[in-house]
Amino acid sequence: MTQTVSFIGALLKAIASTPNHNQDDADYNQRVLEPTRRLRKVEQELGEQSPSHQQMGELLATLAGILAAKQVDANEQQERLQEIAAQFGIAQPAAGSHGSH
């Protein structure tokens, strides 16, 4: 049993456990599903290695964009990002820094 959840695992869990409020299928596919597939690809490429702090920041920004695309309430977005950032000791992007309308 691993002592901590992997960083990307934590991101994927946040994506899966956050309800989607985006009714536009094309937008959802482009801004949620595609970035999620990229996260899984990075996870496979890293294998047992941990991502660098720079990669973590970029991946956390990806999560921010996904949550914004799912039209999650801004406070909930911030809570999810803060929770993961605190768990892994990294700086987090500002909410809404991705995906402006």
C-alpha atoms as a PDB file:
ATOM      1  CA  MET A   1       0.000   0.000   0.000  1.00  0.00           C
ATOM      2  CA  THR A   2       1.488   3.332  -1.045  1.00  0.00           C
ATOM      3  CA  GLN A   3       1.745   5.932   1.656  1.00  0.00           C
ATOM      4  CA  THR A   4       0.354   8.768  -0.452  1.00  0.00           C
ATOM      5  CA  VAL A   5      -1.834   9.084  -3.506  1.00  0.00           C
ATOM      6  CA  SER A   6       0.133  10.012  -6.608  1.00  0.00           C
ATOM      7  CA  PHE A   7      -0.100  13.637  -7.675  1.00  0.00           C
ATOM      8  CA  ILE A   8      -1.769  12.832 -10.991  1.00  0.00           C
ATOM      9  CA  GLY A   9      -4.023  10.353  -9.203  1.00  0.00           C
ATOM     10  CA  ALA A  10      -5.178  13.203  -6.968  1.00  0.00           C
ATOM     11  CA  LEU A  11      -5.896  15.351 -10.041  1.00  0.00           C
ATOM     12  CA  LEU A  12      -7.846  12.555 -11.733  1.00  0.00           C
ATOM     13  CA  LYS A  13      -9.817  11.942  -8.535  1.00  0.00           C
ATOM     14  CA  ALA A  14     -10.747  15.641  -8.367  1.00  0.00           C
ATOM     15  CA  ILE A  15     -11.898  15.545 -12.002  1.00  0.00           C
ATOM     16  CA  ALA A  16     -13.948  12.382 -11.513  1.00  0.00           C
ATOM     17  CA  SER A  17     -15.562  13.528  -8.261  1.00  0.00           C
ATOM     18  CA  THR A  18     -16.541  16.998  -9.475  1.00  0.00           C
ATOM     19  CA  PRO A  19     -19.975  17.286 -11.105  1.00  0.00           C
ATOM     20  CA  ASN A  20     -20.134  18.626 -14.641  1.00  0.00           C
ATOM     21  CA  HIS A  21     -22.428  21.591 -15.307  1.00  0.00           C
ATOM     22  CA  ASN A  22     -21.309  22.127 -18.918  1.00  0.00           C
ATOM     23  CA  GLN A  23     -24.131  21.165 -21.284  1.00  0.00           C
ATOM     24  CA  ASP A  24     -22.082  21.790 -24.460  1.00  0.00           C
ATOM     25  CA  ASP A  25     -20.806  18.362 -25.556  1.00  0.00           C
ATOM     26  CA  ALA A  26     -18.199  19.710 -27.984  1.00  0.00           C
ATOM     27  CA  ASP A  27     -16.807  22.132 -25.394  1.00  0.00           C
ATOM     28  CA  TYR A  28     -16.797  19.390 -22.744  1.00  0.00           C
ATOM     29  CA  ASN A  29     -14.908  17.056 -25.070  1.00  0.00           C
ATOM     30  CA  GLN A  30     -12.315  19.689 -25.958  1.00  0.00           C
ATOM     31  CA  ARG A  31     -11.815  21.273 -22.533  1.00  0.00           C
ATOM     32  CA  VAL A  32     -12.433  18.323 -20.178  1.00  0.00           C
ATOM     33  CA  LEU A  33     -11.966  14.971 -21.906  1.00  0.00           C
ATOM     34  CA  GLU A  34      -8.914  15.853 -24.012  1.00  0.00           C
ATOM     35  CA  PRO A  35      -6.919  17.386 -21.107  1.00  0.00           C
ATOM     36  CA  THR A  36      -7.911  14.422 -18.912  1.00  0.00           C
ATOM     37  CA  ARG A  37      -6.517  12.043 -21.553  1.00  0.00           C
ATOM     38  CA  ARG A  38      -3.295  14.070 -21.581  1.00  0.00           C
ATOM     39  CA  LEU A  39      -3.055  13.750 -17.776  1.00  0.00           C
ATOM     40  CA  ARG A  40      -3.399   9.974 -18.073  1.00  0.00           C
ATOM     41  CA  LYS A  41      -0.719   9.912 -20.785  1.00  0.00           C
ATOM     42  CA  VAL A  42       1.666  11.891 -18.569  1.00  0.00           C
ATOM     43  CA  GLU A  43       0.896   9.480 -15.735  1.00  0.00           C
ATOM     44  CA  GLN A  44       1.842   6.534 -17.965  1.00  0.00           C
ATOM     45  CA  GLU A  45       5.011   8.271 -19.196  1.00  0.00           C
ATOM     46  CA  LEU A  46       6.156   9.018 -15.648  1.00  0.00           C
ATOM     47  CA  GLY A  47       5.498   5.498 -14.399  1.00  0.00           C
ATOM     48  CA  GLU A  48       6.705   5.317 -10.805  1.00  0.00           C
ATOM     49  CA  GLN A  49       8.528   8.667 -11.017  1.00  0.00           C
ATOM     50  CA  SER A  50       7.099  11.777  -9.422  1.00  0.00           C
ATOM     51  CA  PRO A  51       6.548  14.821 -11.624  1.00  0.00           C
ATOM     52  CA  SER A  52       8.901  17.778 -11.150  1.00  0.00           C
ATOM     53  CA  HIS A  53       7.626  20.868  -9.310  1.00  0.00           C
ATOM     54  CA  GLN A  54       7.362  22.629 -12.685  1.00  0.00           C
ATOM     55  CA  GLN A  55       5.299  19.753 -14.090  1.00  0.00           C
ATOM     56  CA  MET A  56       3.113  19.778 -10.976  1.00  0.00           C
ATOM     57  CA  GLY A  57       2.395  23.477 -11.478  1.00  0.00           C
ATOM     58  CA  GLU A  58       1.517  22.894 -15.131  1.00  0.00           C
ATOM     59  CA  LEU A  59      -0.676  19.904 -14.292  1.00  0.00           C
ATOM     60  CA  LEU A  60      -2.438  21.830 -11.533  1.00  0.00           C
ATOM     61  CA  ALA A  61      -3.126  24.589 -14.084  1.00  0.00           C
ATOM     62  CA  THR A  62      -4.586  21.896 -16.355  1.00  0.00           C
ATOM     63  CA  LEU A  63      -6.900  20.846 -13.525  1.00  0.00           C
ATOM     64  CA  ALA A  64      -7.928  24.490 -13.044  1.00  0.00           C
ATOM     65  CA  GLY A  65      -8.868  24.670 -16.724  1.00  0.00           C
ATOM     66  CA  ILE A  66     -10.831  21.422 -16.524  1.00  0.00           C
ATOM     67  CA  LEU A  67     -12.786  22.570 -13.458  1.00  0.00           C
ATOM     68  CA  ALA A  68     -13.566  25.869 -15.182  1.00  0.00           C
ATOM     69  CA  ALA A  69     -14.740  23.969 -18.285  1.00  0.00           C
ATOM     70  CA  LYS A  70     -17.000  21.815 -16.100  1.00  0.00           C
ATOM     71  CA  GLN A  71     -18.476  25.127 -14.878  1.00  0.00           C
ATOM     72  CA  VAL A  72     -17.770  24.276 -11.258  1.00  0.00           C
ATOM     73  CA  ASP A  73     -18.493  27.044  -8.746  1.00  0.00           C
ATOM     74  CA  ALA A  74     -15.398  29.260  -8.326  1.00  0.00           C
ATOM     75  CA  ASN A  75     -15.216  28.598  -4.576  1.00  0.00           C
ATOM     76  CA  GLU A  76     -15.281  24.848  -5.110  1.00  0.00           C
ATOM     77  CA  GLN A  77     -12.614  25.161  -7.821  1.00  0.00           C
ATOM     78  CA  GLN A  78     -10.395  27.085  -5.397  1.00  0.00           C
ATOM     79  CA  GLU A  79     -10.981  24.535  -2.613  1.00  0.00           C
ATOM     80  CA  ARG A  80     -10.013  21.617  -4.880  1.00  0.00           C
ATOM     81  CA  LEU A  81      -6.879  23.371  -6.096  1.00  0.00           C
ATOM     82  CA  GLN A  82      -5.845  24.455  -2.587  1.00  0.00           C
ATOM     83  CA  GLU A  83      -6.394  20.969  -1.217  1.00  0.00           C
ATOM     84  CA  ILE A  84      -4.124  19.356  -3.815  1.00  0.00           C
ATOM     85  CA  ALA A  85      -1.536  22.144  -3.669  1.00  0.00           C
ATOM     86  CA  ALA A  86      -1.324  21.826   0.120  1.00  0.00           C
ATOM     87  CA  GLN A  87      -1.157  18.026  -0.016  1.00  0.00           C
ATOM     88  CA  PHE A  88       1.815  18.120  -2.395  1.00  0.00           C
ATOM     89  CA  GLY A  89       3.434  21.379  -1.237  1.00  0.00           C
ATOM     90  CA  ILE A  90       3.205  23.359  -4.468  1.00  0.00           C
ATOM     91  CA  ALA A  91       2.105  26.811  -5.527  1.00  0.00           C
ATOM     92  CA  GLN A  92      -1.274  26.929  -7.189  1.00  0.00           C
ATOM     93  CA  PRO A  93      -2.606  28.960 -10.102  1.00  0.00           C
ATOM     94  CA  ALA A  94      -5.254  31.569  -9.442  1.00  0.00           C
ATOM     95  CA  ALA A  95      -8.789  30.338 -10.037  1.00  0.00           C
ATOM     96  CA  GLY A  96     -10.070  31.317 -13.437  1.00  0.00           C
ATOM     97  CA  SER A  97      -6.578  31.758 -14.892  1.00  0.00           C
ATOM     98  CA  HIS A  98      -7.515  29.270 -17.615  1.00  0.00           C
ATOM     99  CA  GLY A  99     -10.409  29.261 -20.003  1.00  0.00           C
ATOM    100  CA  SER A 100     -11.713  32.815 -20.179  1.00  0.00           C
ATOM    101  CA  HIS A 101     -15.038  33.294 -21.985  1.00  0.00           C
END
